[in-house]
Amino acid sequence: MARFGSAPQQICHDWNTITHLLDYEGSPGRRALTFDELEQFFDAADARVETIIRTRRKGALAALRNAQMFKTIYAYGLRRSECVGLDIADLRSNPATAQFGSFGAVYVRHGKGTRGTGPKRRTVLTVPEFDWIVDGLTHWVDQGRPRMAGDWETGILWPTERRTRVSPRYLNDRFAELRDEVGLPEELTLHSLRHTYVTNLIEWGYSEKFVQDQVGHAFASTTAIYTSVGDDYKNRVLADALKRNTENRNDN
């Protein structure tokens, strides 16, 4: 008051501020899966395929497709709508990782844009830590998908028995079924796989800018919201800091 001569007043109101154009993606209730939880979930997804085949029931191809979709969402940090919208043509090679063949990158054509704009496109590179996704995609593209699509010509990567795209809601429901089957917490959702991807890349030392570009965030602050590094990682960082501190003291 001594400096301005009056009591503080609110200067930002709805009528004189710009509406935020990006939907909020963070949520305190969402978190990344631990490595044990990931292993449990993906093991259950694979086991469902094997069980259907062993009991000679229908649905093995759909179960295989679903399992591979979950793994693709995690391995590329995709939103559910981005995954279901993929076509065969969106699987790209990357000269920098020739060993991955046609699966060096995924071209996202249906990324979330700002309000009033069209889809935001981006290319998501296959990183070495997720090289296992190449075998899974190869198996689906070469063996699973042709049997699901039959003789019908379609570019859809994940066709249904009716030769349409899998719906995001369907994928949510299948995720919840597997989550509940293995007894994982209810706060974990399909979107948690995307959180886990961001968290893992940060833990593995990738720069925030690289992670931001991979997942298609307009602002680094959004990527920071997603980051929920695990206790093991934080303890390693703490141990390294203590070690450096001790070495500096000994040098002095």
Protein backbone atom coordinates (compact mmCIF):
# COMPACT_ATOMS: atom_id res chain seq x y z
CA MET A 1 0.00 0.00 0.00
CA ALA A 2 2.90 2.34 0.72
CA ARG A 3 4.23 1.76 -2.79
CA PHE A 4 0.97 1.85 -4.75
CA GLY A 5 -1.10 4.12 -2.53
CA SER A 6 -4.15 1.81 -2.50
CA ALA A 7 -5.26 -1.62 -1.44
CA PRO A 8 -4.52 -4.50 -3.90
CA GLN A 9 -7.25 -4.99 -6.45
CA GLN A 10 -8.06 -7.86 -8.82
CA ILE A 11 -7.13 -6.89 -12.36
CA CYS A 12 -7.72 -10.16 -14.22
CA HIS A 13 -11.34 -10.99 -14.98
CA ASP A 14 -13.23 -13.21 -17.44
CA TRP A 15 -13.98 -10.20 -19.64
CA ASN A 16 -10.37 -9.00 -20.03
CA THR A 17 -8.41 -12.27 -20.25
CA ILE A 18 -7.89 -14.71 -23.11
CA THR A 19 -9.61 -18.07 -22.90
CA HIS A 20 -7.18 -20.97 -22.56
CA LEU A 21 -7.41 -22.83 -25.85
CA LEU A 22 -5.96 -26.17 -24.77
CA ASP A 23 -7.92 -28.77 -22.85
CA TYR A 24 -6.42 -29.68 -19.50
CA GLU A 25 -4.93 -33.16 -19.68
CA GLY A 26 -3.56 -33.52 -16.17
CA SER A 27 -5.56 -34.95 -13.28
CA PRO A 28 -4.41 -35.59 -9.70
CA GLY A 29 -6.25 -38.91 -9.76
CA ARG A 30 -4.24 -40.21 -12.68
CA ARG A 31 -0.78 -41.62 -12.26
CA ALA A 32 1.77 -43.71 -14.06
CA LEU A 33 1.87 -47.47 -13.68
CA THR A 34 4.83 -49.03 -11.91
CA PHE A 35 6.92 -51.57 -13.81
CA ASP A 36 5.31 -54.38 -11.79
CA GLU A 37 1.84 -53.12 -12.67
CA LEU A 38 2.76 -52.87 -16.34
CA GLU A 39 4.05 -56.43 -16.33
CA GLN A 40 0.88 -57.68 -14.62
CA PHE A 41 -1.37 -55.87 -17.06
CA PHE A 42 0.40 -56.93 -20.25
CA ASP A 43 0.78 -60.51 -19.00
CA ALA A 44 -2.99 -60.60 -18.45
CA ALA A 45 -3.63 -59.22 -21.94
CA ASP A 46 -1.40 -61.90 -23.51
CA ALA A 47 -2.89 -64.63 -21.31
CA ARG A 48 -6.40 -63.76 -22.50
CA VAL A 49 -5.35 -64.51 -26.09
CA GLU A 50 -3.81 -67.83 -25.11
CA THR A 51 -6.85 -68.83 -23.06
CA ILE A 52 -9.27 -68.16 -25.92
CA ILE A 53 -7.12 -70.17 -28.32
CA ARG A 54 -6.76 -73.06 -25.88
CA THR A 55 -10.49 -73.27 -25.20
CA ARG A 56 -11.26 -72.86 -28.92
CA ARG A 57 -13.61 -69.96 -28.35
CA LYS A 58 -14.16 -67.03 -30.69
CA GLY A 59 -12.41 -63.74 -30.13
CA ALA A 60 -8.73 -64.65 -30.20
CA LEU A 61 -7.95 -62.15 -32.98
CA ALA A 62 -9.83 -59.37 -31.19
CA ALA A 63 -7.96 -60.14 -27.96
CA LEU A 64 -4.65 -60.12 -29.85
CA ARG A 65 -5.56 -56.79 -31.46
CA ASN A 66 -6.53 -55.28 -28.10
CA ALA A 67 -3.31 -56.41 -26.43
CA GLN A 68 -1.24 -54.92 -29.24
CA MET A 69 -3.20 -51.67 -29.11
CA PHE A 70 -2.49 -51.32 -25.38
CA LYS A 71 1.20 -51.95 -26.00
CA THR A 72 1.27 -49.45 -28.88
CA ILE A 73 -0.36 -46.75 -26.74
CA TYR A 74 2.32 -47.29 -24.10
CA ALA A 75 5.27 -47.65 -26.49
CA TYR A 76 4.45 -44.39 -28.30
CA GLY A 77 2.67 -42.40 -25.60
CA LEU A 78 -0.51 -42.12 -27.68
CA ARG A 79 -3.92 -40.83 -26.76
CA ARG A 80 -6.66 -43.41 -27.25
CA SER A 81 -8.16 -41.50 -30.21
CA GLU A 82 -4.73 -41.31 -31.83
CA CYS A 83 -4.28 -45.06 -31.56
CA VAL A 84 -7.68 -46.07 -32.94
CA GLY A 85 -7.20 -43.62 -35.83
CA LEU A 86 -4.00 -45.22 -37.09
CA ASP A 87 -3.77 -46.67 -40.58
CA ILE A 88 -1.16 -49.00 -42.05
CA ALA A 89 0.31 -46.03 -43.93
CA ASP A 90 1.04 -44.34 -40.60
CA LEU A 91 3.72 -46.88 -39.77
CA ARG A 92 6.94 -45.30 -41.04
CA SER A 93 10.62 -46.14 -41.32
CA ASN A 94 13.29 -43.94 -39.77
CA PRO A 95 16.74 -43.76 -41.41
CA ALA A 96 18.28 -43.15 -37.99
CA THR A 97 16.94 -46.50 -36.74
CA ALA A 98 17.06 -48.71 -39.82
CA GLN A 99 17.05 -51.80 -37.61
CA PHE A 100 13.37 -51.16 -36.86
CA GLY A 101 12.41 -51.46 -40.51
CA SER A 102 8.92 -50.12 -41.26
CA PHE A 103 8.29 -49.47 -37.58
CA GLY A 104 10.82 -46.74 -36.88
CA ALA A 105 8.10 -44.15 -36.31
CA VAL A 106 4.35 -43.67 -36.09
CA TYR A 107 2.74 -40.78 -37.92
CA VAL A 108 -0.15 -39.39 -35.87
CA ARG A 109 -2.71 -37.66 -38.09
CA HIS A 110 -5.43 -37.24 -35.49
CA GLY A 111 -3.59 -35.54 -32.64
CA LYS A 112 -5.41 -33.17 -30.31
CA GLY A 113 -5.34 -29.58 -31.56
CA THR A 114 -6.38 -26.34 -29.91
CA ARG A 115 -10.04 -25.40 -29.90
CA GLY A 116 -11.15 -24.07 -33.24
CA THR A 117 -8.32 -25.76 -35.14
CA GLY A 118 -7.97 -29.05 -36.93
CA PRO A 119 -6.04 -32.11 -35.74
CA LYS A 120 -2.42 -31.53 -34.84
CA ARG A 121 -0.11 -33.95 -36.65
CA ARG A 122 3.22 -35.26 -35.42
CA THR A 123 5.71 -38.09 -35.90
CA VAL A 124 6.49 -40.24 -32.87
CA LEU A 125 9.85 -41.99 -33.08
CA THR A 126 10.43 -45.53 -31.85
CA VAL A 127 12.97 -45.28 -29.03
CA PRO A 128 15.43 -48.11 -28.24
CA GLU A 129 13.87 -48.89 -24.86
CA PHE A 130 10.68 -49.85 -26.68
CA ASP A 131 12.26 -51.90 -29.46
CA TRP A 132 10.09 -54.85 -28.37
CA ILE A 133 7.10 -53.12 -29.97
CA VAL A 134 8.57 -53.85 -33.41
CA ASP A 135 8.05 -57.62 -33.05
CA GLY A 136 4.50 -57.11 -31.82
CA LEU A 137 3.53 -54.78 -34.65
CA THR A 138 5.20 -57.03 -37.21
CA HIS A 139 3.22 -60.02 -35.95
CA TRP A 140 -0.05 -58.07 -36.06
CA VAL A 141 0.52 -56.51 -39.48
CA ASP A 142 1.77 -59.70 -41.15
CA GLN A 143 -0.42 -62.32 -39.48
CA GLY A 144 -3.18 -60.99 -37.23
CA ARG A 145 -4.57 -58.09 -39.22
CA PRO A 146 -4.94 -59.95 -42.57
CA ARG A 147 -7.04 -62.61 -40.84
CA MET A 148 -9.19 -59.97 -39.16
CA ALA A 149 -9.72 -57.89 -42.32
CA GLY A 150 -10.07 -60.84 -44.68
CA ASP A 151 -10.27 -59.97 -48.36
CA TRP A 152 -11.71 -56.54 -47.59
CA GLU A 153 -9.40 -53.74 -48.70
CA THR A 154 -8.86 -51.33 -45.85
CA GLY A 155 -6.07 -49.16 -44.56
CA ILE A 156 -7.29 -49.39 -40.97
CA LEU A 157 -4.54 -50.71 -38.71
CA TRP A 158 -6.91 -52.08 -36.06
CA PRO A 159 -10.07 -53.29 -37.89
CA THR A 160 -13.00 -54.89 -36.09
CA GLU A 161 -14.89 -57.99 -37.21
CA ARG A 162 -17.35 -55.60 -38.86
CA ARG A 163 -14.44 -53.90 -40.67
CA THR A 164 -14.82 -50.62 -38.81
CA ARG A 165 -12.47 -48.84 -36.43
CA VAL A 166 -12.31 -49.80 -32.78
CA SER A 167 -14.02 -47.13 -30.69
CA PRO A 168 -12.20 -45.33 -27.86
CA ARG A 169 -14.96 -46.35 -25.45
CA TYR A 170 -14.53 -50.02 -26.38
CA LEU A 171 -10.81 -49.75 -25.66
CA ASN A 172 -11.52 -48.07 -22.31
CA ASP A 173 -13.83 -50.91 -21.34
CA ARG A 174 -11.35 -53.61 -22.29
CA PHE A 175 -8.62 -51.87 -20.30
CA ALA A 176 -10.86 -51.68 -17.23
CA GLU A 177 -11.71 -55.37 -17.54
CA LEU A 178 -8.07 -56.42 -17.54
CA ARG A 179 -7.18 -53.93 -14.79
CA ASP A 180 -9.89 -55.32 -12.52
CA GLU A 181 -8.99 -58.90 -13.45
CA VAL A 182 -5.46 -58.53 -12.06
CA GLY A 183 -6.56 -56.37 -9.13
CA LEU A 184 -4.91 -53.09 -10.09
CA PRO A 185 -6.20 -49.83 -8.53
CA GLU A 186 -9.32 -48.30 -10.09
CA GLU A 187 -7.66 -44.91 -10.54
CA LEU A 188 -5.57 -46.42 -13.32
CA THR A 189 -7.16 -45.74 -16.70
CA LEU A 190 -6.19 -46.30 -20.31
CA HIS A 191 -4.74 -42.77 -20.30
CA SER A 192 -2.38 -43.89 -17.52
CA LEU A 193 -0.34 -45.73 -20.15
CA ARG A 194 0.44 -42.36 -21.75
CA HIS A 195 1.42 -40.99 -18.33
CA THR A 196 3.69 -43.98 -17.88
CA TYR A 197 5.39 -43.37 -21.22
CA VAL A 198 6.22 -39.76 -20.30
CA THR A 199 7.43 -40.78 -16.86
CA ASN A 200 9.64 -43.54 -18.21
CA LEU A 201 11.29 -41.34 -20.84
CA ILE A 202 12.12 -38.73 -18.20
CA GLU A 203 13.51 -41.42 -15.90
CA TRP A 204 15.65 -42.78 -18.74
CA GLY A 205 17.24 -39.38 -19.30
CA TYR A 206 15.42 -38.04 -22.39
CA SER A 207 15.18 -34.27 -22.49
CA GLU A 208 11.86 -32.60 -21.67
CA LYS A 209 11.82 -31.05 -25.15
CA PHE A 210 12.15 -34.45 -26.81
CA VAL A 211 9.38 -35.89 -24.63
CA GLN A 212 7.19 -32.87 -25.30
CA ASP A 213 7.54 -33.35 -29.07
CA GLN A 214 6.95 -37.10 -28.84
CA VAL A 215 3.61 -36.76 -27.04
CA GLY A 216 2.45 -33.62 -28.83
CA HIS A 217 2.22 -31.18 -25.95
CA ALA A 218 2.12 -27.51 -26.93
CA PHE A 219 3.68 -26.46 -23.62
CA ALA A 220 6.42 -27.98 -21.47
CA SER A 221 4.23 -27.34 -18.41
CA THR A 222 1.75 -29.94 -19.67
CA THR A 223 4.53 -32.51 -19.98
CA ALA A 224 5.62 -31.67 -16.42
CA ILE A 225 2.08 -32.41 -15.18
CA TYR A 226 2.35 -35.90 -16.66
CA THR A 227 5.71 -36.65 -15.05
CA SER A 228 5.42 -38.74 -11.88
CA VAL A 229 8.81 -40.35 -11.47
CA GLY A 230 8.92 -43.39 -9.24
CA ASP A 231 10.55 -43.76 -5.84
CA ASP A 232 13.35 -45.92 -7.28
CA TYR A 233 14.31 -43.16 -9.69
CA LYS A 234 14.15 -40.46 -7.02
CA ASN A 235 16.24 -42.56 -4.67
CA ARG A 236 18.87 -43.04 -7.40
CA VAL A 237 18.98 -39.30 -8.01
CA LEU A 238 19.28 -38.69 -4.27
CA ALA A 239 22.05 -41.28 -3.94
CA ASP A 240 23.99 -39.68 -6.81
CA ALA A 241 23.61 -36.24 -5.22
CA LEU A 242 24.83 -37.51 -1.86
CA LYS A 243 27.77 -39.21 -3.54
CA ARG A 244 28.74 -36.00 -5.37
CA ASN A 245 28.39 -34.01 -2.14
CA THR A 246 30.64 -36.43 -0.27
CA GLU A 247 33.26 -36.36 -3.04
CA ASN A 248 33.25 -32.55 -3.08
CA ARG A 249 33.79 -32.44 0.67
CA ASN A 250 36.67 -34.89 0.47
CA ASP A 251 38.28 -32.83 -2.32
CA ASN A 252 38.07 -29.70 -0.16
